[in-house]
Amino acid sequence: FQAMTQEALSGEISFSVLYTPFEKEDKADKIKEANKTFAEKHPDYVQHIFTDPHGIHLLPEKAESHPGQQYLLTLGFRNKEIGKTVEKFVTQNLPVFPG
């Protein structure tokens, strides 16, 4: 049983991803809509939902997409603390050093 439990824990995925097409609309409304859609489609990953506010993502290479289409990237986490940590690192302002 211990081996089966260990295998189940190591195979568990702690987050899920949703790409939402993004046009130059009201970004705040699109983020709310993306979060709601994510919660409906991935109910196991709603402990912390985060949509990157930059809204300038392209689909992964193997995904079918339209040239130049931009997407909002929404991440949902099973663990709230992991989600908050990822959001903090993604949204923090990093210093820019000239040269």
PDB file of N, CA and C in Angstrom:
ATOM      1  N   PHE A   1       0.809  -1.192   0.000  1.00  0.00           N
ATOM      2  CA  PHE A   1       0.000   0.000   0.000  1.00  0.00           C
ATOM      3  C   PHE A   1       0.855   1.260   0.000  1.00  0.00           C
ATOM      4  N   GLN A   2       1.978   1.209   0.701  1.00  0.00           N
ATOM      5  CA  GLN A   2       2.839   2.392   0.755  1.00  0.00           C
ATOM      6  C   GLN A   2       3.339   2.747  -0.637  1.00  0.00           C
ATOM      7  N   ALA A   3       3.738   1.743  -1.414  1.00  0.00           N
ATOM      8  CA  ALA A   3       4.227   1.990  -2.778  1.00  0.00           C
ATOM      9  C   ALA A   3       3.119   2.565  -3.646  1.00  0.00           C
ATOM     10  N   MET A   4       1.903   2.064  -3.494  1.00  0.00           N
ATOM     11  CA  MET A   4       0.782   2.581  -4.282  1.00  0.00           C
ATOM     12  C   MET A   4       0.460   4.019  -3.888  1.00  0.00           C
ATOM     13  N   THR A   5       0.509   4.307  -2.594  1.00  0.00           N
ATOM     14  CA  THR A   5       0.248   5.669  -2.126  1.00  0.00           C
ATOM     15  C   THR A   5       1.302   6.631  -2.640  1.00  0.00           C
ATOM     16  N   GLN A   6       2.577   6.219  -2.558  1.00  0.00           N
ATOM     17  CA  GLN A   6       3.674   7.067  -3.039  1.00  0.00           C
ATOM     18  C   GLN A   6       3.536   7.342  -4.529  1.00  0.00           C
ATOM     19  N   GLU A   7       3.165   6.324  -5.304  1.00  0.00           N
ATOM     20  CA  GLU A   7       2.995   6.493  -6.744  1.00  0.00           C
ATOM     21  C   GLU A   7       1.844   7.459  -7.033  1.00  0.00           C
ATOM     22  N   ALA A   8       0.753   7.347  -6.272  1.00  0.00           N
ATOM     23  CA  ALA A   8      -0.394   8.240  -6.471  1.00  0.00           C
ATOM     24  C   ALA A   8      -0.019   9.679  -6.146  1.00  0.00           C
ATOM     25  N   LEU A   9       0.725   9.905  -5.066  1.00  0.00           N
ATOM     26  CA  LEU A   9       1.130  11.256  -4.689  1.00  0.00           C
ATOM     27  C   LEU A   9       2.093  11.859  -5.692  1.00  0.00           C
ATOM     28  N   SER A  10       3.030  11.069  -6.189  1.00  0.00           N
ATOM     29  CA  SER A  10       4.005  11.606  -7.143  1.00  0.00           C
ATOM     30  C   SER A  10       3.372  11.898  -8.486  1.00  0.00           C
ATOM     31  N   GLY A  11       2.286  11.226  -8.811  1.00  0.00           N
ATOM     32  CA  GLY A  11       1.615  11.450 -10.089  1.00  0.00           C
ATOM     33  C   GLY A  11       0.563  12.531 -10.039  1.00  0.00           C
ATOM     34  N   GLU A  12       0.264  13.056  -8.845  1.00  0.00           N
ATOM     35  CA  GLU A  12      -0.770  14.069  -8.717  1.00  0.00           C
ATOM     36  C   GLU A  12      -0.293  15.394  -9.303  1.00  0.00           C
ATOM     37  N   ILE A  13      -1.134  15.996 -10.089  1.00  0.00           N
ATOM     38  CA  ILE A  13      -0.822  17.295 -10.682  1.00  0.00           C
ATOM     39  C   ILE A  13      -1.392  18.365  -9.768  1.00  0.00           C
ATOM     40  N   SER A  14      -0.580  19.360  -9.423  1.00  0.00           N
ATOM     41  CA  SER A  14      -1.013  20.349  -8.448  1.00  0.00           C
ATOM     42  C   SER A  14      -1.622  21.605  -9.079  1.00  0.00           C
ATOM     43  N   PHE A  15      -1.574  21.728 -10.414  1.00  0.00           N
ATOM     44  CA  PHE A  15      -2.191  22.901 -11.035  1.00  0.00           C
ATOM     45  C   PHE A  15      -2.711  22.544 -12.424  1.00  0.00           C
ATOM     46  N   SER A  16      -3.565  23.412 -12.944  1.00  0.00           N
ATOM     47  CA  SER A  16      -4.114  23.246 -14.278  1.00  0.00           C
ATOM     48  C   SER A  16      -4.065  24.605 -14.975  1.00  0.00           C
ATOM     49  N   VAL A  17      -4.149  24.593 -16.310  1.00  0.00           N
ATOM     50  CA  VAL A  17      -3.980  25.809 -17.106  1.00  0.00           C
ATOM     51  C   VAL A  17      -5.149  25.969 -18.074  1.00  0.00           C
ATOM     52  N   LEU A  18      -5.557  27.217 -18.299  1.00  0.00           N
ATOM     53  CA  LEU A  18      -6.572  27.540 -19.290  1.00  0.00           C
ATOM     54  C   LEU A  18      -6.109  28.762 -20.072  1.00  0.00           C
ATOM     55  N   TYR A  19      -6.121  28.664 -21.400  1.00  0.00           N
ATOM     56  CA  TYR A  19      -5.814  29.808 -22.258  1.00  0.00           C
ATOM     57  C   TYR A  19      -7.131  30.364 -22.790  1.00  0.00           C
ATOM     58  N   THR A  20      -7.342  31.676 -22.660  1.00  0.00           N
ATOM     59  CA  THR A  20      -8.550  32.331 -23.132  1.00  0.00           C
ATOM     60  C   THR A  20      -8.156  33.362 -24.187  1.00  0.00           C
ATOM     61  N   PRO A  21      -8.763  33.302 -25.399  1.00  0.00           N
ATOM     62  CA  PRO A  21      -8.431  34.304 -26.417  1.00  0.00           C
ATOM     63  C   PRO A  21      -8.652  35.714 -25.869  1.00  0.00           C
ATOM     64  N   PHE A  22      -7.749  36.609 -26.207  1.00  0.00           N
ATOM     65  CA  PHE A  22      -7.782  37.967 -25.672  1.00  0.00           C
ATOM     66  C   PHE A  22      -7.685  38.966 -26.805  1.00  0.00           C
ATOM     67  N   GLU A  23      -8.662  39.852 -26.849  1.00  0.00           N
ATOM     68  CA  GLU A  23      -8.631  40.984 -27.770  1.00  0.00           C
ATOM     69  C   GLU A  23      -8.458  42.224 -26.913  1.00  0.00           C
ATOM     70  N   LYS A  24      -8.247  43.341 -27.536  1.00  0.00           N
ATOM     71  CA  LYS A  24      -8.028  44.576 -26.770  1.00  0.00           C
ATOM     72  C   LYS A  24      -9.367  45.104 -26.237  1.00  0.00           C
ATOM     73  N   GLU A  25      -9.927  44.340 -25.306  1.00  0.00           N
ATOM     74  CA  GLU A  25     -11.172  44.727 -24.656  1.00  0.00           C
ATOM     75  C   GLU A  25     -10.841  45.156 -23.230  1.00  0.00           C
ATOM     76  N   ASP A  26     -11.870  45.308 -22.420  1.00  0.00           N
ATOM     77  CA  ASP A  26     -11.664  45.638 -21.010  1.00  0.00           C
ATOM     78  C   ASP A  26     -11.005  44.439 -20.325  1.00  0.00           C
ATOM     79  N   LYS A  27      -9.758  44.596 -19.971  1.00  0.00           N
ATOM     80  CA  LYS A  27      -8.980  43.489 -19.409  1.00  0.00           C
ATOM     81  C   LYS A  27      -9.537  43.002 -18.079  1.00  0.00           C
ATOM     82  N   ALA A  28     -10.004  43.890 -17.231  1.00  0.00           N
ATOM     83  CA  ALA A  28     -10.530  43.486 -15.921  1.00  0.00           C
ATOM     84  C   ALA A  28     -11.737  42.561 -16.084  1.00  0.00           C
ATOM     85  N   ASP A  29     -12.631  42.888 -17.007  1.00  0.00           N
ATOM     86  CA  ASP A  29     -13.801  42.037 -17.246  1.00  0.00           C
ATOM     87  C   ASP A  29     -13.384  40.687 -17.824  1.00  0.00           C
ATOM     88  N   LYS A  30     -12.414  40.694 -18.730  1.00  0.00           N
ATOM     89  CA  LYS A  30     -11.947  39.441 -19.335  1.00  0.00           C
ATOM     90  C   LYS A  30     -11.287  38.543 -18.284  1.00  0.00           C
ATOM     91  N   ILE A  31     -10.563  39.146 -17.334  1.00  0.00           N
ATOM     92  CA  ILE A  31      -9.918  38.365 -16.279  1.00  0.00           C
ATOM     93  C   ILE A  31     -10.981  37.717 -15.391  1.00  0.00           C
ATOM     94  N   LYS A  32     -12.011  38.465 -15.018  1.00  0.00           N
ATOM     95  CA  LYS A  32     -13.100  37.899 -14.216  1.00  0.00           C
ATOM     96  C   LYS A  32     -13.773  36.752 -14.963  1.00  0.00           C
ATOM     97  N   GLU A  33     -14.015  36.959 -16.251  1.00  0.00           N
ATOM     98  CA  GLU A  33     -14.652  35.936 -17.074  1.00  0.00           C
ATOM     99  C   GLU A  33     -13.763  34.691 -17.187  1.00  0.00           C
ATOM    100  N   ALA A  34     -12.453  34.897 -17.358  1.00  0.00           N
ATOM    101  CA  ALA A  34     -11.525  33.767 -17.459  1.00  0.00           C
ATOM    102  C   ALA A  34     -11.492  32.977 -16.152  1.00  0.00           C
ATOM    103  N   ASN A  35     -11.489  33.667 -15.008  1.00  0.00           N
ATOM    104  CA  ASN A  35     -11.494  32.989 -13.708  1.00  0.00           C
ATOM    105  C   ASN A  35     -12.766  32.167 -13.525  1.00  0.00           C
ATOM    106  N   LYS A  36     -13.905  32.730 -13.913  1.00  0.00           N
ATOM    107  CA  LYS A  36     -15.181  32.022 -13.786  1.00  0.00           C
ATOM    108  C   LYS A  36     -15.203  30.790 -14.693  1.00  0.00           C
ATOM    109  N   THR A  37     -14.761  30.954 -15.932  1.00  0.00           N
ATOM    110  CA  THR A  37     -14.721  29.834 -16.874  1.00  0.00           C
ATOM    111  C   THR A  37     -13.803  28.743 -16.365  1.00  0.00           C
ATOM    112  N   PHE A  38     -12.652  29.144 -15.822  1.00  0.00           N
ATOM    113  CA  PHE A  38     -11.704  28.167 -15.294  1.00  0.00           C
ATOM    114  C   PHE A  38     -12.350  27.355 -14.174  1.00  0.00           C
ATOM    115  N   ALA A  39     -13.023  28.031 -13.242  1.00  0.00           N
ATOM    116  CA  ALA A  39     -13.652  27.350 -12.102  1.00  0.00           C
ATOM    117  C   ALA A  39     -14.703  26.348 -12.571  1.00  0.00           C
ATOM    118  N   GLU A  40     -15.429  26.691 -13.636  1.00  0.00           N
ATOM    119  CA  GLU A  40     -16.442  25.780 -14.171  1.00  0.00           C
ATOM    120  C   GLU A  40     -15.817  24.559 -14.839  1.00  0.00           C
ATOM    121  N   LYS A  41     -14.719  24.771 -15.564  1.00  0.00           N
ATOM    122  CA  LYS A  41     -14.091  23.677 -16.316  1.00  0.00           C
ATOM    123  C   LYS A  41     -13.150  22.819 -15.482  1.00  0.00           C
ATOM    124  N   HIS A  42     -12.566  23.394 -14.431  1.00  0.00           N
ATOM    125  CA  HIS A  42     -11.572  22.676 -13.613  1.00  0.00           C
ATOM    126  C   HIS A  42     -11.904  22.807 -12.124  1.00  0.00           C
ATOM    127  N   PRO A  43     -13.017  22.221 -11.677  1.00  0.00           N
ATOM    128  CA  PRO A  43     -13.436  22.415 -10.281  1.00  0.00           C
ATOM    129  C   PRO A  43     -12.466  21.838  -9.245  1.00  0.00           C
ATOM    130  N   ASP A  44     -11.571  20.947  -9.642  1.00  0.00           N
ATOM    131  CA  ASP A  44     -10.600  20.381  -8.693  1.00  0.00           C
ATOM    132  C   ASP A  44      -9.434  21.325  -8.410  1.00  0.00           C
ATOM    133  N   TYR A  45      -9.343  22.424  -9.142  1.00  0.00           N
ATOM    134  CA  TYR A  45      -8.197  23.327  -9.030  1.00  0.00           C
ATOM    135  C   TYR A  45      -8.626  24.747  -8.665  1.00  0.00           C
ATOM    136  N   VAL A  46      -9.511  24.895  -7.713  1.00  0.00           N
ATOM    137  CA  VAL A  46     -10.041  26.219  -7.397  1.00  0.00           C
ATOM    138  C   VAL A  46      -9.617  26.754  -6.026  1.00  0.00           C
ATOM    139  N   GLN A  47      -8.643  26.132  -5.395  1.00  0.00           N
ATOM    140  CA  GLN A  47      -8.167  26.663  -4.118  1.00  0.00           C
ATOM    141  C   GLN A  47      -7.538  28.037  -4.311  1.00  0.00           C
ATOM    142  N   HIS A  48      -6.905  28.241  -5.467  1.00  0.00           N
ATOM    143  CA  HIS A  48      -6.363  29.554  -5.816  1.00  0.00           C
ATOM    144  C   HIS A  48      -6.359  29.653  -7.336  1.00  0.00           C
ATOM    145  N   ILE A  49      -7.057  30.641  -7.872  1.00  0.00           N
ATOM    146  CA  ILE A  49      -7.100  30.860  -9.323  1.00  0.00           C
ATOM    147  C   ILE A  49      -6.435  32.196  -9.609  1.00  0.00           C
ATOM    148  N   PHE A  50      -5.560  32.190 -10.610  1.00  0.00           N
ATOM    149  CA  PHE A  50      -4.794  33.393 -10.949  1.00  0.00           C
ATOM    150  C   PHE A  50      -4.738  33.547 -12.463  1.00  0.00           C
ATOM    151  N   THR A  51      -5.166  34.698 -12.963  1.00  0.00           N
ATOM    152  CA  THR A  51      -5.037  35.021 -14.385  1.00  0.00           C
ATOM    153  C   THR A  51      -3.975  36.097 -14.515  1.00  0.00           C
ATOM    154  N   ASP A  52      -2.959  35.821 -15.319  1.00  0.00           N
ATOM    155  CA  ASP A  52      -1.874  36.777 -15.526  1.00  0.00           C
ATOM    156  C   ASP A  52      -2.444  38.056 -16.139  1.00  0.00           C
ATOM    157  N   PRO A  53      -2.287  39.187 -15.472  1.00  0.00           N
ATOM    158  CA  PRO A  53      -2.889  40.429 -15.964  1.00  0.00           C
ATOM    159  C   PRO A  53      -2.222  41.001 -17.211  1.00  0.00           C
ATOM    160  N   HIS A  54      -1.075  40.493 -17.592  1.00  0.00           N
ATOM    161  CA  HIS A  54      -0.381  41.028 -18.764  1.00  0.00           C
ATOM    162  C   HIS A  54      -1.085  40.654 -20.064  1.00  0.00           C
ATOM    163  N   GLY A  55      -1.716  39.498 -20.120  1.00  0.00           N
ATOM    164  CA  GLY A  55      -2.539  39.105 -21.255  1.00  0.00           C
ATOM    165  C   GLY A  55      -1.832  39.012 -22.580  1.00  0.00           C
ATOM    166  N   ILE A  56      -0.556  38.692 -22.571  1.00  0.00           N
ATOM    167  CA  ILE A  56       0.201  38.608 -23.820  1.00  0.00           C
ATOM    168  C   ILE A  56       0.876  37.244 -23.885  1.00  0.00           C
ATOM    169  N   HIS A  57       0.085  36.208 -24.067  1.00  0.00           N
ATOM    170  CA  HIS A  57       0.625  34.851 -24.131  1.00  0.00           C
ATOM    171  C   HIS A  57       0.258  34.225 -25.464  1.00  0.00           C
ATOM    172  N   LEU A  58       1.104  33.331 -25.915  1.00  0.00           N
ATOM    173  CA  LEU A  58       0.830  32.537 -27.101  1.00  0.00           C
ATOM    174  C   LEU A  58       0.627  31.105 -26.652  1.00  0.00           C
ATOM    175  N   LEU A  59      -0.127  30.341 -27.425  1.00  0.00           N
ATOM    176  CA  LEU A  59      -0.338  28.939 -27.079  1.00  0.00           C
ATOM    177  C   LEU A  59       0.968  28.159 -27.197  1.00  0.00           C
ATOM    178  N   PRO A  60       1.071  27.051 -26.478  1.00  0.00           N
ATOM    179  CA  PRO A  60       2.264  26.198 -26.630  1.00  0.00           C
ATOM    180  C   PRO A  60       2.422  25.765 -28.079  1.00  0.00           C
ATOM    181  N   GLU A  61       3.647  25.428 -28.468  1.00  0.00           N
ATOM    182  CA  GLU A  61       3.974  25.106 -29.864  1.00  0.00           C
ATOM    183  C   GLU A  61       3.046  24.102 -30.520  1.00  0.00           C
ATOM    184  N   LYS A  62       2.701  23.038 -29.835  1.00  0.00           N
ATOM    185  CA  LYS A  62       1.929  21.953 -30.442  1.00  0.00           C
ATOM    186  C   LYS A  62       0.438  22.252 -30.517  1.00  0.00           C
ATOM    187  N   ALA A  63      -0.023  23.326 -29.897  1.00  0.00           N
ATOM    188  CA  ALA A  63      -1.448  23.663 -29.915  1.00  0.00           C
ATOM    189  C   ALA A  63      -1.795  24.403 -31.202  1.00  0.00           C
ATOM    190  N   GLU A  64      -3.015  24.170 -31.670  1.00  0.00           N
ATOM    191  CA  GLU A  64      -3.475  24.839 -32.880  1.00  0.00           C
ATOM    192  C   GLU A  64      -3.920  26.256 -32.524  1.00  0.00           C
ATOM    193  N   SER A  65      -3.336  27.242 -33.167  1.00  0.00           N
ATOM    194  CA  SER A  65      -3.698  28.626 -32.872  1.00  0.00           C
ATOM    195  C   SER A  65      -3.691  29.455 -34.144  1.00  0.00           C
ATOM    196  N   HIS A  66      -4.254  30.643 -34.034  1.00  0.00           N
ATOM    197  CA  HIS A  66      -4.260  31.582 -35.150  1.00  0.00           C
ATOM    198  C   HIS A  66      -3.052  32.493 -35.019  1.00  0.00           C
ATOM    199  N   PRO A  67      -2.377  32.809 -36.129  1.00  0.00           N
ATOM    200  CA  PRO A  67      -1.194  33.667 -36.061  1.00  0.00           C
ATOM    201  C   PRO A  67      -1.515  35.015 -35.410  1.00  0.00           C
ATOM    202  N   GLY A  68      -0.699  35.394 -34.451  1.00  0.00           N
ATOM    203  CA  GLY A  68      -0.850  36.680 -33.802  1.00  0.00           C
ATOM    204  C   GLY A  68      -1.893  36.742 -32.699  1.00  0.00           C
ATOM    205  N   GLN A  69      -2.660  35.666 -32.522  1.00  0.00           N
ATOM    206  CA  GLN A  69      -3.680  35.666 -31.457  1.00  0.00           C
ATOM    207  C   GLN A  69      -3.009  35.674 -30.087  1.00  0.00           C
ATOM    208  N   GLN A  70      -3.468  36.537 -29.212  1.00  0.00           N
ATOM    209  CA  GLN A  70      -2.954  36.593 -27.849  1.00  0.00           C
ATOM    210  C   GLN A  70      -3.969  35.965 -26.906  1.00  0.00           C
ATOM    211  N   TYR A  71      -3.459  35.462 -25.782  1.00  0.00           N
ATOM    212  CA  TYR A  71      -4.313  34.746 -24.843  1.00  0.00           C
ATOM    213  C   TYR A  71      -4.039  35.201 -23.416  1.00  0.00           C
ATOM    214  N   LEU A  72      -5.091  35.163 -22.592  1.00  0.00           N
ATOM    215  CA  LEU A  72      -4.921  35.295 -21.149  1.00  0.00           C
ATOM    216  C   LEU A  72      -4.551  33.914 -20.634  1.00  0.00           C
ATOM    217  N   LEU A  73      -3.634  33.846 -19.720  1.00  0.00           N
ATOM    218  CA  LEU A  73      -3.195  32.590 -19.124  1.00  0.00           C
ATOM    219  C   LEU A  73      -3.752  32.512 -17.708  1.00  0.00           C
ATOM    220  N   THR A  74      -4.597  31.513 -17.457  1.00  0.00           N
ATOM    221  CA  THR A  74      -5.192  31.320 -16.136  1.00  0.00           C
ATOM    222  C   THR A  74      -4.662  30.030 -15.543  1.00  0.00           C
ATOM    223  N   LEU A  75      -4.188  30.118 -14.301  1.00  0.00           N
ATOM    224  CA  LEU A  75      -3.684  28.957 -13.576  1.00  0.00           C
ATOM    225  C   LEU A  75      -4.577  28.721 -12.365  1.00  0.00           C
ATOM    226  N   GLY A  76      -4.899  27.463 -12.130  1.00  0.00           N
ATOM    227  CA  GLY A  76      -5.666  27.089 -10.946  1.00  0.00           C
ATOM    228  C   GLY A  76      -4.871  26.067 -10.155  1.00  0.00           C
ATOM    229  N   PHE A  77      -4.911  26.186  -8.851  1.00  0.00           N
ATOM    230  CA  PHE A  77      -4.090  25.345  -7.983  1.00  0.00           C
ATOM    231  C   PHE A  77      -4.941  24.564  -6.996  1.00  0.00           C
ATOM    232  N   ARG A  78      -4.496  23.358  -6.683  1.00  0.00           N
ATOM    233  CA  ARG A  78      -5.130  22.556  -5.635  1.00  0.00           C
ATOM    234  C   ARG A  78      -4.703  23.055  -4.260  1.00  0.00           C
ATOM    235  N   ASN A  79      -3.502  23.631  -4.181  1.00  0.00           N
ATOM    236  CA  ASN A  79      -2.950  24.101  -2.919  1.00  0.00           C
ATOM    237  C   ASN A  79      -2.908  25.633  -2.952  1.00  0.00           C
ATOM    238  N   LYS A  80      -3.633  26.258  -2.040  1.00  0.00           N
ATOM    239  CA  LYS A  80      -3.740  27.718  -2.014  1.00  0.00           C
ATOM    240  C   LYS A  80      -2.389  28.408  -1.823  1.00  0.00           C
ATOM    241  N   GLU A  81      -1.546  27.865  -0.952  1.00  0.00           N
ATOM    242  CA  GLU A  81      -0.248  28.488  -0.672  1.00  0.00           C
ATOM    243  C   GLU A  81       0.676  28.446  -1.898  1.00  0.00           C
ATOM    244  N   ILE A  82       0.670  27.339  -2.613  1.00  0.00           N
ATOM    245  CA  ILE A  82       1.489  27.251  -3.835  1.00  0.00           C
ATOM    246  C   ILE A  82       0.983  28.287  -4.842  1.00  0.00           C
ATOM    247  N   GLY A  83      -0.322  28.386  -4.998  1.00  0.00           N
ATOM    248  CA  GLY A  83      -0.898  29.360  -5.921  1.00  0.00           C
ATOM    249  C   GLY A  83      -0.532  30.785  -5.568  1.00  0.00           C
ATOM    250  N   LYS A  84      -0.620  31.130  -4.297  1.00  0.00           N
ATOM    251  CA  LYS A  84      -0.260  32.482  -3.870  1.00  0.00           C
ATOM    252  C   LYS A  84       1.214  32.772  -4.122  1.00  0.00           C
ATOM    253  N   THR A  85       2.069  31.772  -3.884  1.00  0.00           N
ATOM    254  CA  THR A  85       3.504  31.956  -4.104  1.00  0.00           C
ATOM    255  C   THR A  85       3.796  32.191  -5.583  1.00  0.00           C
ATOM    256  N   VAL A  86       3.185  31.387  -6.456  1.00  0.00           N
ATOM    257  CA  VAL A  86       3.391  31.563  -7.900  1.00  0.00           C
ATOM    258  C   VAL A  86       2.891  32.937  -8.330  1.00  0.00           C
ATOM    259  N   GLU A  87       1.718  33.328  -7.869  1.00  0.00           N
ATOM    260  CA  GLU A  87       1.173  34.642  -8.241  1.00  0.00           C
ATOM    261  C   GLU A  87       2.108  35.755  -7.789  1.00  0.00           C
ATOM    262  N   LYS A  88       2.640  35.647  -6.592  1.00  0.00           N
ATOM    263  CA  LYS A  88       3.554  36.669  -6.064  1.00  0.00           C
ATOM    264  C   LYS A  88       4.787  36.816  -6.957  1.00  0.00           C
ATOM    265  N   PHE A  89       5.368  35.686  -7.382  1.00  0.00           N
ATOM    266  CA  PHE A  89       6.561  35.748  -8.219  1.00  0.00           C
ATOM    267  C   PHE A  89       6.258  36.283  -9.608  1.00  0.00           C
ATOM    268  N   VAL A  90       5.087  35.968 -10.133  1.00  0.00           N
ATOM    269  CA  VAL A  90       4.720  36.422 -11.478  1.00  0.00           C
ATOM    270  C   VAL A  90       4.403  37.913 -11.503  1.00  0.00           C
ATOM    271  N   THR A  91       3.800  38.432 -10.437  1.00  0.00           N
ATOM    272  CA  THR A  91       3.337  39.819 -10.461  1.00  0.00           C
ATOM    273  C   THR A  91       4.293  40.825  -9.830  1.00  0.00           C
ATOM    274  N   GLN A  92       5.346  40.359  -9.167  1.00  0.00           N
ATOM    275  CA  GLN A  92       6.239  41.313  -8.522  1.00  0.00           C
ATOM    276  C   GLN A  92       7.040  42.081  -9.568  1.00  0.00           C
ATOM    277  N   ASN A  93       7.309  43.325  -9.256  1.00  0.00           N
ATOM    278  CA  ASN A  93       8.117  44.169 -10.140  1.00  0.00           C
ATOM    279  C   ASN A  93       9.575  43.892  -9.880  1.00  0.00           C
ATOM    280  N   LEU A  94      10.270  43.495 -10.915  1.00  0.00           N
ATOM    281  CA  LEU A  94      11.700  43.231 -10.786  1.00  0.00           C
ATOM    282  C   LEU A  94      12.489  44.481 -11.152  1.00  0.00           C
ATOM    283  N   PRO A  95      13.584  44.742 -10.480  1.00  0.00           N
ATOM    284  CA  PRO A  95      14.382  45.920 -10.806  1.00  0.00           C
ATOM    285  C   PRO A  95      15.015  45.783 -12.198  1.00  0.00           C
ATOM    286  N   VAL A  96      15.116  46.892 -12.889  1.00  0.00           N
ATOM    287  CA  VAL A  96      15.740  46.915 -14.201  1.00  0.00           C
ATOM    288  C   VAL A  96      17.078  47.627 -14.073  1.00  0.00           C
ATOM    289  N   PHE A  97      18.120  46.948 -14.520  1.00  0.00           N
ATOM    290  CA  PHE A  97      19.459  47.525 -14.447  1.00  0.00           C
ATOM    291  C   PHE A  97      19.920  47.907 -15.841  1.00  0.00           C
ATOM    292  N   PRO A  98      20.272  49.174 -16.071  1.00  0.00           N
ATOM    293  CA  PRO A  98      20.717  49.577 -17.408  1.00  0.00           C
ATOM    294  C   PRO A  98      22.036  48.884 -17.768  1.00  0.00           C
ATOM    295  N   GLY A  99      22.170  48.592 -19.053  1.00  0.00           N
ATOM    296  CA  GLY A  99      23.407  47.977 -19.530  1.00  0.00           C
ATOM    297  C   GLY A  99      23.376  46.535 -19.324  1.00  0.00           C
TER     298      GLY A  99
END
